[in-house]
Amino acid sequence: MLISTPALILSSRQHGEHGAVVRALTPEHGLQAGYVRGGRSRRLRPVLIPGNGVQAEFRARVEEQLAALTVELVDSRAPLLAEPLPAAAIEWACGLTVASLPEAHPYPRLYQALDGLLRAIASADSARAWSPALAKYERLLLTELGYGDGTDDTGWAIATHLLTGRLAELMQARERLVDRLRRALP
């Protein structure tokens, strides 16, 4: 397997002394996992931040094997992590996506929507400009995964259908974001 594609970093966790296992959303191959050699290094750690856009290359001998992943930074969202509201939005959107999607199923509309949302968060002057895009992304995710048209209470639908069991803890990220949005947007 060889996949060379743009990707959005959704999660990164350390593996071993020097590496990292990264999960990224690609436009044509969906959610993909890969091992980044040296992923804990000073050079790569800032690249593997959730929300960053990268050019990724996944290599594996067979599809069942965890791919070796190399990445090149294209869009850095790292400066946004110093701001509480954008950081909470990125944490929620990436966490929701990685927890909800099955591996290797293409969701091109979700990729485009998440990329657009991250770009809106990065370029907007305030949360007032990007918060509607976040709500639309939640509804689109529910729709793409077959949970209706997403017009009902999205928080309830996400908690009931997507983030059950041990994934329920992720709803705390949404609650923090909603709380911050309420304080920032009177």
N, C-alpha and C. Protein backbone atom coordinates (compact mmCIF):
# COMPACT_ATOMS: atom_id res chain seq x y z
N MET A 1 0.85 -1.17 0.00
CA MET A 1 0.00 0.00 0.00
C MET A 1 0.90 1.24 0.00
N LEU A 2 0.59 2.15 -0.87
CA LEU A 2 1.27 3.44 -0.91
C LEU A 2 0.20 4.50 -1.17
N ILE A 3 0.07 5.41 -0.22
CA ILE A 3 -0.88 6.50 -0.35
C ILE A 3 -0.11 7.80 -0.14
N SER A 4 -0.13 8.64 -1.16
CA SER A 4 0.48 9.97 -1.06
C SER A 4 -0.66 10.97 -1.24
N THR A 5 -0.93 11.76 -0.20
CA THR A 5 -2.13 12.58 -0.19
C THR A 5 -2.03 13.74 0.79
N PRO A 6 -2.82 14.77 0.57
CA PRO A 6 -2.99 15.77 1.63
C PRO A 6 -3.74 15.11 2.79
N ALA A 7 -3.50 15.58 3.99
CA ALA A 7 -4.16 15.01 5.16
C ALA A 7 -4.26 16.05 6.26
N LEU A 8 -5.23 15.84 7.15
CA LEU A 8 -5.39 16.68 8.34
C LEU A 8 -5.06 15.81 9.54
N ILE A 9 -4.13 16.26 10.36
CA ILE A 9 -3.75 15.52 11.57
C ILE A 9 -4.92 15.62 12.55
N LEU A 10 -5.37 14.45 13.03
CA LEU A 10 -6.47 14.42 14.00
C LEU A 10 -5.98 14.07 15.39
N SER A 11 -5.00 13.17 15.48
CA SER A 11 -4.46 12.79 16.78
C SER A 11 -3.05 12.27 16.61
N SER A 12 -2.30 12.37 17.69
CA SER A 12 -0.93 11.86 17.73
C SER A 12 -0.66 11.39 19.15
N ARG A 13 -0.16 10.17 19.27
CA ARG A 13 0.22 9.68 20.60
C ARG A 13 1.58 9.04 20.50
N GLN A 14 2.36 9.23 21.54
CA GLN A 14 3.71 8.70 21.53
C GLN A 14 3.70 7.19 21.50
N HIS A 15 4.71 6.64 20.83
CA HIS A 15 4.84 5.20 20.74
C HIS A 15 6.34 4.87 20.81
N GLY A 16 6.70 4.15 21.83
CA GLY A 16 8.11 3.85 22.01
C GLY A 16 8.86 5.08 22.48
N GLU A 17 10.16 5.03 22.35
CA GLU A 17 10.99 6.14 22.83
C GLU A 17 11.00 7.34 21.89
N HIS A 18 10.86 7.11 20.60
CA HIS A 18 11.06 8.20 19.66
C HIS A 18 9.90 8.42 18.69
N GLY A 19 9.02 7.45 18.55
CA GLY A 19 8.00 7.52 17.52
C GLY A 19 6.66 8.00 18.00
N ALA A 20 5.74 8.11 17.04
CA ALA A 20 4.36 8.51 17.33
C ALA A 20 3.42 7.78 16.37
N VAL A 21 2.26 7.42 16.88
CA VAL A 21 1.21 6.88 16.03
C VAL A 21 0.24 8.03 15.78
N VAL A 22 0.05 8.30 14.50
CA VAL A 22 -0.75 9.45 14.08
C VAL A 22 -1.98 8.94 13.33
N ARG A 23 -3.09 9.58 13.57
CA ARG A 23 -4.30 9.32 12.80
C ARG A 23 -4.65 10.60 12.07
N ALA A 24 -4.87 10.46 10.76
CA ALA A 24 -5.10 11.63 9.91
C ALA A 24 -6.26 11.35 8.97
N LEU A 25 -6.97 12.41 8.62
CA LEU A 25 -8.08 12.31 7.68
C LEU A 25 -7.58 12.72 6.30
N THR A 26 -7.84 11.85 5.33
CA THR A 26 -7.44 12.12 3.94
C THR A 26 -8.70 12.27 3.10
N PRO A 27 -8.61 12.98 1.97
CA PRO A 27 -9.81 13.19 1.18
C PRO A 27 -10.35 11.93 0.50
N GLU A 28 -9.50 11.05 0.01
CA GLU A 28 -9.95 9.90 -0.77
C GLU A 28 -9.82 8.57 -0.05
N HIS A 29 -9.08 8.53 1.03
CA HIS A 29 -8.84 7.27 1.74
C HIS A 29 -9.35 7.30 3.18
N GLY A 30 -10.05 8.35 3.54
CA GLY A 30 -10.65 8.46 4.86
C GLY A 30 -9.62 8.53 5.98
N LEU A 31 -10.00 8.00 7.11
CA LEU A 31 -9.14 8.01 8.30
C LEU A 31 -8.05 6.97 8.13
N GLN A 32 -6.81 7.40 8.27
CA GLN A 32 -5.66 6.50 8.13
C GLN A 32 -4.76 6.67 9.34
N ALA A 33 -4.18 5.56 9.78
CA ALA A 33 -3.22 5.59 10.89
C ALA A 33 -1.84 5.27 10.34
N GLY A 34 -0.84 5.85 10.98
CA GLY A 34 0.53 5.58 10.56
C GLY A 34 1.51 5.85 11.67
N TYR A 35 2.64 5.17 11.58
CA TYR A 35 3.72 5.34 12.56
C TYR A 35 4.72 6.33 11.99
N VAL A 36 4.99 7.39 12.74
CA VAL A 36 5.96 8.40 12.33
C VAL A 36 7.24 8.17 13.11
N ARG A 37 8.25 7.75 12.41
CA ARG A 37 9.56 7.54 13.03
C ARG A 37 10.12 8.90 13.42
N GLY A 38 10.56 9.02 14.66
CA GLY A 38 11.06 10.30 15.16
C GLY A 38 9.96 11.31 15.43
N GLY A 39 8.74 10.83 15.59
CA GLY A 39 7.59 11.71 15.80
C GLY A 39 7.63 12.51 17.09
N ARG A 40 8.49 12.12 18.01
CA ARG A 40 8.62 12.88 19.27
C ARG A 40 9.78 13.85 19.23
N SER A 41 10.42 13.98 18.09
CA SER A 41 11.58 14.87 17.96
C SER A 41 11.14 16.33 17.95
N ARG A 42 12.07 17.22 18.18
CA ARG A 42 11.77 18.66 18.15
C ARG A 42 11.31 19.10 16.77
N ARG A 43 11.82 18.46 15.76
CA ARG A 43 11.47 18.83 14.39
C ARG A 43 10.04 18.39 14.03
N LEU A 44 9.63 17.20 14.44
CA LEU A 44 8.33 16.67 14.02
C LEU A 44 7.19 16.91 15.00
N ARG A 45 7.50 17.08 16.27
CA ARG A 45 6.42 17.28 17.26
C ARG A 45 5.50 18.44 16.88
N PRO A 46 6.02 19.60 16.43
CA PRO A 46 5.11 20.69 16.06
C PRO A 46 4.31 20.41 14.78
N VAL A 47 4.77 19.50 13.96
CA VAL A 47 4.06 19.16 12.74
C VAL A 47 2.87 18.25 13.04
N LEU A 48 2.99 17.43 14.08
CA LEU A 48 1.97 16.42 14.38
C LEU A 48 0.89 16.91 15.33
N ILE A 49 0.66 18.21 15.35
CA ILE A 49 -0.37 18.81 16.20
C ILE A 49 -1.74 18.65 15.52
N PRO A 50 -2.76 18.20 16.27
CA PRO A 50 -4.09 18.09 15.67
C PRO A 50 -4.54 19.41 15.05
N GLY A 51 -5.10 19.29 13.86
CA GLY A 51 -5.56 20.46 13.11
C GLY A 51 -4.61 20.87 12.00
N ASN A 52 -3.35 20.44 12.08
CA ASN A 52 -2.39 20.81 11.05
C ASN A 52 -2.69 20.09 9.74
N GLY A 53 -2.47 20.79 8.64
CA GLY A 53 -2.57 20.18 7.32
C GLY A 53 -1.19 19.75 6.86
N VAL A 54 -1.09 18.55 6.34
CA VAL A 54 0.20 18.00 5.92
C VAL A 54 0.06 17.33 4.55
N GLN A 55 1.20 17.14 3.93
CA GLN A 55 1.30 16.23 2.79
C GLN A 55 1.81 14.94 3.39
N ALA A 56 1.04 13.87 3.26
CA ALA A 56 1.36 12.61 3.94
C ALA A 56 1.66 11.51 2.93
N GLU A 57 2.54 10.62 3.36
CA GLU A 57 2.80 9.42 2.57
C GLU A 57 2.75 8.22 3.51
N PHE A 58 1.76 7.37 3.28
CA PHE A 58 1.57 6.15 4.06
C PHE A 58 2.13 4.99 3.25
N ARG A 59 3.01 4.18 3.86
CA ARG A 59 3.59 3.01 3.18
C ARG A 59 3.44 1.79 4.07
N ALA A 60 2.93 0.71 3.48
CA ALA A 60 2.82 -0.56 4.19
C ALA A 60 2.88 -1.68 3.16
N ARG A 61 3.44 -2.83 3.57
CA ARG A 61 3.51 -3.97 2.66
C ARG A 61 2.12 -4.56 2.41
N VAL A 62 1.31 -4.62 3.47
CA VAL A 62 -0.07 -5.12 3.33
C VAL A 62 -1.00 -4.13 4.03
N GLU A 63 -2.26 -4.13 3.64
CA GLU A 63 -3.20 -3.14 4.18
C GLU A 63 -3.48 -3.30 5.65
N GLU A 64 -3.31 -4.53 6.19
CA GLU A 64 -3.57 -4.78 7.61
C GLU A 64 -2.46 -4.26 8.51
N GLN A 65 -1.32 -3.95 7.95
CA GLN A 65 -0.15 -3.50 8.71
C GLN A 65 -0.26 -1.99 8.98
N LEU A 66 0.21 -1.57 10.17
CA LEU A 66 0.28 -0.14 10.45
C LEU A 66 1.30 0.47 9.51
N ALA A 67 0.88 1.45 8.76
CA ALA A 67 1.74 2.07 7.75
C ALA A 67 2.83 2.91 8.38
N ALA A 68 3.96 2.98 7.71
CA ALA A 68 4.98 3.96 8.04
C ALA A 68 4.50 5.27 7.42
N LEU A 69 4.59 6.34 8.16
CA LEU A 69 4.05 7.61 7.71
C LEU A 69 5.13 8.67 7.73
N THR A 70 5.26 9.38 6.62
CA THR A 70 6.11 10.57 6.58
C THR A 70 5.21 11.76 6.28
N VAL A 71 5.52 12.89 6.88
CA VAL A 71 4.68 14.08 6.73
C VAL A 71 5.53 15.30 6.44
N GLU A 72 4.91 16.20 5.69
CA GLU A 72 5.51 17.52 5.43
C GLU A 72 4.44 18.56 5.73
N LEU A 73 4.77 19.52 6.58
CA LEU A 73 3.81 20.53 7.00
C LEU A 73 3.38 21.42 5.84
N VAL A 74 2.06 21.60 5.71
CA VAL A 74 1.50 22.48 4.69
C VAL A 74 0.80 23.67 5.36
N ASP A 75 -0.07 23.41 6.36
CA ASP A 75 -0.80 24.45 7.09
C ASP A 75 -0.64 24.22 8.58
N SER A 76 0.00 25.18 9.26
CA SER A 76 0.17 25.06 10.70
C SER A 76 -0.93 25.80 11.44
N ARG A 77 -1.57 25.11 12.36
CA ARG A 77 -2.57 25.73 13.24
C ARG A 77 -2.01 25.88 14.64
N ALA A 78 -0.73 25.60 14.83
CA ALA A 78 -0.10 25.65 16.15
C ALA A 78 -0.27 27.00 16.85
N PRO A 79 -0.14 28.15 16.16
CA PRO A 79 -0.32 29.43 16.86
C PRO A 79 -1.70 29.59 17.48
N LEU A 80 -2.71 28.92 16.92
CA LEU A 80 -4.07 29.03 17.45
C LEU A 80 -4.23 28.35 18.79
N LEU A 81 -3.34 27.43 19.10
CA LEU A 81 -3.46 26.70 20.35
C LEU A 81 -3.15 27.57 21.57
N ALA A 82 -2.60 28.75 21.34
CA ALA A 82 -2.35 29.68 22.43
C ALA A 82 -3.60 30.47 22.80
N GLU A 83 -4.63 30.41 21.96
CA GLU A 83 -5.89 31.11 22.20
C GLU A 83 -6.94 30.10 22.65
N PRO A 84 -7.55 30.30 23.81
CA PRO A 84 -8.45 29.28 24.38
C PRO A 84 -9.62 28.87 23.49
N LEU A 85 -10.28 29.81 22.85
CA LEU A 85 -11.47 29.48 22.06
C LEU A 85 -11.12 28.70 20.79
N PRO A 86 -10.19 29.18 19.97
CA PRO A 86 -9.80 28.38 18.80
C PRO A 86 -9.20 27.02 19.19
N ALA A 87 -8.42 26.99 20.26
CA ALA A 87 -7.83 25.71 20.70
C ALA A 87 -8.92 24.72 21.09
N ALA A 88 -9.94 25.18 21.78
CA ALA A 88 -11.04 24.30 22.18
C ALA A 88 -11.81 23.81 20.95
N ALA A 89 -12.00 24.67 19.97
CA ALA A 89 -12.72 24.28 18.75
C ALA A 89 -11.94 23.24 17.96
N ILE A 90 -10.64 23.43 17.84
CA ILE A 90 -9.80 22.47 17.12
C ILE A 90 -9.76 21.15 17.86
N GLU A 91 -9.60 21.21 19.18
CA GLU A 91 -9.59 19.98 19.98
C GLU A 91 -10.89 19.20 19.79
N TRP A 92 -12.03 19.89 19.83
CA TRP A 92 -13.32 19.23 19.70
C TRP A 92 -13.51 18.65 18.29
N ALA A 93 -13.27 19.46 17.27
CA ALA A 93 -13.52 19.01 15.90
C ALA A 93 -12.64 17.82 15.53
N CYS A 94 -11.37 17.88 15.89
CA CYS A 94 -10.46 16.78 15.57
C CYS A 94 -10.77 15.55 16.42
N GLY A 95 -11.04 15.75 17.70
CA GLY A 95 -11.37 14.63 18.59
C GLY A 95 -12.65 13.93 18.17
N LEU A 96 -13.67 14.70 17.84
CA LEU A 96 -14.94 14.12 17.39
C LEU A 96 -14.73 13.31 16.12
N THR A 97 -13.98 13.85 15.19
CA THR A 97 -13.76 13.19 13.91
C THR A 97 -13.00 11.88 14.09
N VAL A 98 -11.91 11.91 14.84
CA VAL A 98 -11.11 10.70 15.00
C VAL A 98 -11.87 9.63 15.79
N ALA A 99 -12.71 10.03 16.72
CA ALA A 99 -13.46 9.07 17.52
C ALA A 99 -14.64 8.48 16.76
N SER A 100 -15.16 9.19 15.78
CA SER A 100 -16.40 8.78 15.11
C SER A 100 -16.21 7.98 13.83
N LEU A 101 -15.17 8.29 13.09
CA LEU A 101 -15.04 7.68 11.76
C LEU A 101 -14.37 6.31 11.80
N PRO A 102 -14.85 5.41 10.97
CA PRO A 102 -14.16 4.12 10.82
C PRO A 102 -12.91 4.32 9.96
N GLU A 103 -11.95 3.43 10.13
CA GLU A 103 -10.70 3.52 9.37
C GLU A 103 -10.96 3.21 7.89
N ALA A 104 -10.27 3.94 7.04
CA ALA A 104 -10.15 3.66 5.60
C ALA A 104 -11.45 3.75 4.80
N HIS A 105 -12.45 4.44 5.32
CA HIS A 105 -13.67 4.68 4.55
C HIS A 105 -13.62 6.13 4.07
N PRO A 106 -13.69 6.37 2.78
CA PRO A 106 -13.58 7.75 2.30
C PRO A 106 -14.80 8.59 2.65
N TYR A 107 -14.54 9.78 3.13
CA TYR A 107 -15.56 10.78 3.41
C TYR A 107 -15.07 12.11 2.86
N PRO A 108 -15.09 12.27 1.53
CA PRO A 108 -14.54 13.50 0.94
C PRO A 108 -15.25 14.77 1.40
N ARG A 109 -16.56 14.69 1.61
CA ARG A 109 -17.29 15.88 2.09
C ARG A 109 -16.85 16.27 3.49
N LEU A 110 -16.62 15.28 4.35
CA LEU A 110 -16.15 15.58 5.71
C LEU A 110 -14.75 16.18 5.68
N TYR A 111 -13.88 15.64 4.82
CA TYR A 111 -12.53 16.19 4.71
C TYR A 111 -12.60 17.66 4.29
N GLN A 112 -13.37 17.95 3.26
CA GLN A 112 -13.50 19.33 2.79
C GLN A 112 -14.10 20.24 3.85
N ALA A 113 -15.12 19.74 4.55
CA ALA A 113 -15.76 20.55 5.59
C ALA A 113 -14.82 20.80 6.76
N LEU A 114 -14.09 19.78 7.19
CA LEU A 114 -13.16 19.97 8.31
C LEU A 114 -12.03 20.90 7.90
N ASP A 115 -11.52 20.74 6.69
CA ASP A 115 -10.47 21.64 6.21
C ASP A 115 -10.98 23.08 6.17
N GLY A 116 -12.19 23.26 5.67
CA GLY A 116 -12.79 24.60 5.63
C GLY A 116 -13.00 25.17 7.03
N LEU A 117 -13.46 24.33 7.95
CA LEU A 117 -13.66 24.77 9.33
C LEU A 117 -12.34 25.22 9.95
N LEU A 118 -11.29 24.42 9.78
CA LEU A 118 -9.98 24.77 10.35
C LEU A 118 -9.44 26.05 9.73
N ARG A 119 -9.66 26.23 8.44
CA ARG A 119 -9.23 27.47 7.78
C ARG A 119 -10.03 28.67 8.31
N ALA A 120 -11.32 28.48 8.54
CA ALA A 120 -12.16 29.55 9.08
C ALA A 120 -11.71 29.93 10.48
N ILE A 121 -11.40 28.95 11.31
CA ILE A 121 -10.93 29.23 12.67
C ILE A 121 -9.63 30.02 12.61
N ALA A 122 -8.76 29.64 11.67
CA ALA A 122 -7.45 30.29 11.56
C ALA A 122 -7.55 31.72 11.03
N SER A 123 -8.51 31.98 10.16
CA SER A 123 -8.55 33.30 9.52
C SER A 123 -9.57 34.27 10.11
N ALA A 124 -10.51 33.79 10.90
CA ALA A 124 -11.56 34.66 11.41
C ALA A 124 -11.07 35.56 12.54
N ASP A 125 -11.69 36.73 12.63
CA ASP A 125 -11.35 37.67 13.70
C ASP A 125 -11.93 37.23 15.04
N SER A 126 -13.06 36.53 14.99
CA SER A 126 -13.70 36.12 16.24
C SER A 126 -14.46 34.82 16.02
N ALA A 127 -14.89 34.23 17.12
CA ALA A 127 -15.65 32.98 17.07
C ALA A 127 -17.00 33.18 16.39
N ARG A 128 -17.49 34.39 16.40
CA ARG A 128 -18.78 34.67 15.76
C ARG A 128 -18.73 34.28 14.27
N ALA A 129 -17.56 34.40 13.65
CA ALA A 129 -17.43 34.09 12.23
C ALA A 129 -17.34 32.58 11.95
N TRP A 130 -16.73 31.80 12.86
CA TRP A 130 -16.55 30.38 12.57
C TRP A 130 -17.47 29.44 13.35
N SER A 131 -18.12 29.91 14.38
CA SER A 131 -18.98 29.00 15.17
C SER A 131 -20.13 28.39 14.36
N PRO A 132 -20.77 29.12 13.42
CA PRO A 132 -21.80 28.45 12.60
C PRO A 132 -21.21 27.32 11.74
N ALA A 133 -19.99 27.49 11.27
CA ALA A 133 -19.34 26.43 10.48
C ALA A 133 -19.10 25.19 11.33
N LEU A 134 -18.79 25.37 12.60
CA LEU A 134 -18.59 24.23 13.49
C LEU A 134 -19.90 23.48 13.70
N ALA A 135 -20.99 24.20 13.90
CA ALA A 135 -22.29 23.55 14.06
C ALA A 135 -22.68 22.80 12.79
N LYS A 136 -22.40 23.38 11.62
CA LYS A 136 -22.70 22.70 10.35
C LYS A 136 -21.83 21.45 10.20
N TYR A 137 -20.60 21.52 10.66
CA TYR A 137 -19.72 20.35 10.56
C TYR A 137 -20.26 19.20 11.42
N GLU A 138 -20.70 19.51 12.63
CA GLU A 138 -21.29 18.47 13.48
C GLU A 138 -22.49 17.81 12.80
N ARG A 139 -23.37 18.63 12.22
CA ARG A 139 -24.55 18.08 11.53
C ARG A 139 -24.16 17.24 10.32
N LEU A 140 -23.15 17.71 9.57
CA LEU A 140 -22.69 16.95 8.40
C LEU A 140 -22.10 15.60 8.83
N LEU A 141 -21.35 15.59 9.91
CA LEU A 141 -20.77 14.35 10.40
C LEU A 141 -21.87 13.35 10.76
N LEU A 142 -22.88 13.80 11.46
CA LEU A 142 -24.01 12.93 11.80
C LEU A 142 -24.70 12.41 10.54
N THR A 143 -24.91 13.27 9.57
CA THR A 143 -25.56 12.88 8.32
C THR A 143 -24.72 11.87 7.56
N GLU A 144 -23.43 12.14 7.42
CA GLU A 144 -22.54 11.24 6.67
C GLU A 144 -22.46 9.86 7.31
N LEU A 145 -22.61 9.79 8.61
CA LEU A 145 -22.53 8.50 9.30
C LEU A 145 -23.89 7.82 9.42
N GLY A 146 -24.93 8.43 8.82
CA GLY A 146 -26.23 7.78 8.75
C GLY A 146 -27.16 8.04 9.92
N TYR A 147 -26.96 9.12 10.65
CA TYR A 147 -27.81 9.43 11.80
C TYR A 147 -28.73 10.59 11.49
N GLY A 148 -29.45 10.49 10.40
CA GLY A 148 -30.45 11.50 10.05
C GLY A 148 -29.84 12.71 9.40
N ASP A 149 -30.66 13.73 9.31
CA ASP A 149 -30.21 14.95 8.65
C ASP A 149 -29.49 15.90 9.60
N GLY A 150 -29.37 15.54 10.86
CA GLY A 150 -28.62 16.35 11.81
C GLY A 150 -29.31 17.63 12.23
N THR A 151 -30.63 17.74 12.04
CA THR A 151 -31.31 18.98 12.38
C THR A 151 -31.79 19.01 13.83
N ASP A 152 -31.79 17.87 14.49
CA ASP A 152 -32.19 17.83 15.90
C ASP A 152 -31.07 18.40 16.76
N ASP A 153 -31.18 18.22 18.04
CA ASP A 153 -30.14 18.65 18.98
C ASP A 153 -28.86 17.86 18.69
N THR A 154 -27.88 18.54 18.09
CA THR A 154 -26.68 17.81 17.67
C THR A 154 -25.88 17.29 18.85
N GLY A 155 -25.84 18.02 19.95
CA GLY A 155 -25.12 17.55 21.12
C GLY A 155 -25.68 16.23 21.63
N TRP A 156 -27.01 16.15 21.71
CA TRP A 156 -27.66 14.92 22.15
C TRP A 156 -27.38 13.79 21.16
N ALA A 157 -27.50 14.08 19.86
CA ALA A 157 -27.30 13.05 18.84
C ALA A 157 -25.86 12.53 18.86
N ILE A 158 -24.90 13.41 19.04
CA ILE A 158 -23.50 13.00 19.10
C ILE A 158 -23.27 12.12 20.32
N ALA A 159 -23.78 12.56 21.47
CA ALA A 159 -23.59 11.79 22.70
C ALA A 159 -24.29 10.44 22.64
N THR A 160 -25.44 10.38 22.00
CA THR A 160 -26.23 9.15 21.95
C THR A 160 -25.72 8.16 20.90
N HIS A 161 -25.33 8.67 19.73
CA HIS A 161 -24.99 7.79 18.62
C HIS A 161 -23.50 7.58 18.41
N LEU A 162 -22.69 8.60 18.66
CA LEU A 162 -21.28 8.52 18.29
C LEU A 162 -20.34 8.31 19.47
N LEU A 163 -20.57 9.02 20.55
CA LEU A 163 -19.62 9.01 21.66
C LEU A 163 -20.20 8.28 22.86
N THR A 164 -20.36 6.99 22.71
CA THR A 164 -20.90 6.17 23.80
C THR A 164 -19.78 5.41 24.48
N GLY A 165 -20.07 4.85 25.62
CA GLY A 165 -19.07 4.07 26.35
C GLY A 165 -17.88 4.92 26.76
N ARG A 166 -16.69 4.40 26.51
CA ARG A 166 -15.48 5.12 26.93
C ARG A 166 -15.25 6.41 26.14
N LEU A 167 -15.90 6.54 24.99
CA LEU A 167 -15.76 7.75 24.20
C LEU A 167 -16.58 8.91 24.75
N ALA A 168 -17.45 8.64 25.71
CA ALA A 168 -18.31 9.68 26.29
C ALA A 168 -17.50 10.79 26.94
N GLU A 169 -16.30 10.47 27.38
CA GLU A 169 -15.44 11.50 27.99
C GLU A 169 -15.14 12.65 27.04
N LEU A 170 -15.14 12.35 25.75
CA LEU A 170 -14.86 13.37 24.74
C LEU A 170 -15.91 14.48 24.74
N MET A 171 -17.10 14.18 25.21
CA MET A 171 -18.14 15.22 25.26
C MET A 171 -17.74 16.37 26.18
N GLN A 172 -16.82 16.12 27.11
CA GLN A 172 -16.33 17.20 27.97
C GLN A 172 -15.64 18.29 27.15
N ALA A 173 -14.97 17.89 26.07
CA ALA A 173 -14.33 18.88 25.19
C ALA A 173 -15.40 19.77 24.55
N ARG A 174 -16.52 19.17 24.16
CA ARG A 174 -17.60 19.97 23.58
C ARG A 174 -18.21 20.89 24.63
N GLU A 175 -18.38 20.39 25.84
CA GLU A 175 -18.95 21.21 26.91
C GLU A 175 -18.05 22.41 27.22
N ARG A 176 -16.73 22.19 27.25
CA ARG A 176 -15.79 23.30 27.46
C ARG A 176 -15.91 24.33 26.35
N LEU A 177 -16.00 23.85 25.11
CA LEU A 177 -16.12 24.75 23.97
C LEU A 177 -17.42 25.54 24.04
N VAL A 178 -18.53 24.87 24.30
CA VAL A 178 -19.83 25.56 24.37
C VAL A 178 -19.81 26.60 25.48
N ASP A 179 -19.21 26.26 26.62
CA ASP A 179 -19.11 27.20 27.74
C ASP A 179 -18.30 28.43 27.34
N ARG A 180 -17.18 28.21 26.66
CA ARG A 180 -16.34 29.34 26.22
C ARG A 180 -17.07 30.17 25.17
N LEU A 181 -17.80 29.53 24.27
CA LEU A 181 -18.54 30.27 23.27
C LEU A 181 -19.64 31.13 23.91
N ARG A 182 -20.30 30.59 24.92
CA ARG A 182 -21.35 31.36 25.60
C ARG A 182 -20.78 32.62 26.26
N ARG A 183 -19.59 32.48 26.84
CA ARG A 183 -18.97 33.64 27.48
C ARG A 183 -18.45 34.64 26.46
N ALA A 184 -17.98 34.14 25.32
CA ALA A 184 -17.38 35.04 24.31
C ALA A 184 -18.43 35.70 23.43
N LEU A 185 -19.54 35.02 23.22
CA LEU A 185 -20.59 35.54 22.32
C LEU A 185 -21.86 35.82 23.11
N PRO A 186 -22.00 37.03 23.59
CA PRO A 186 -23.19 37.35 24.40
C PRO A 186 -24.48 37.30 23.61
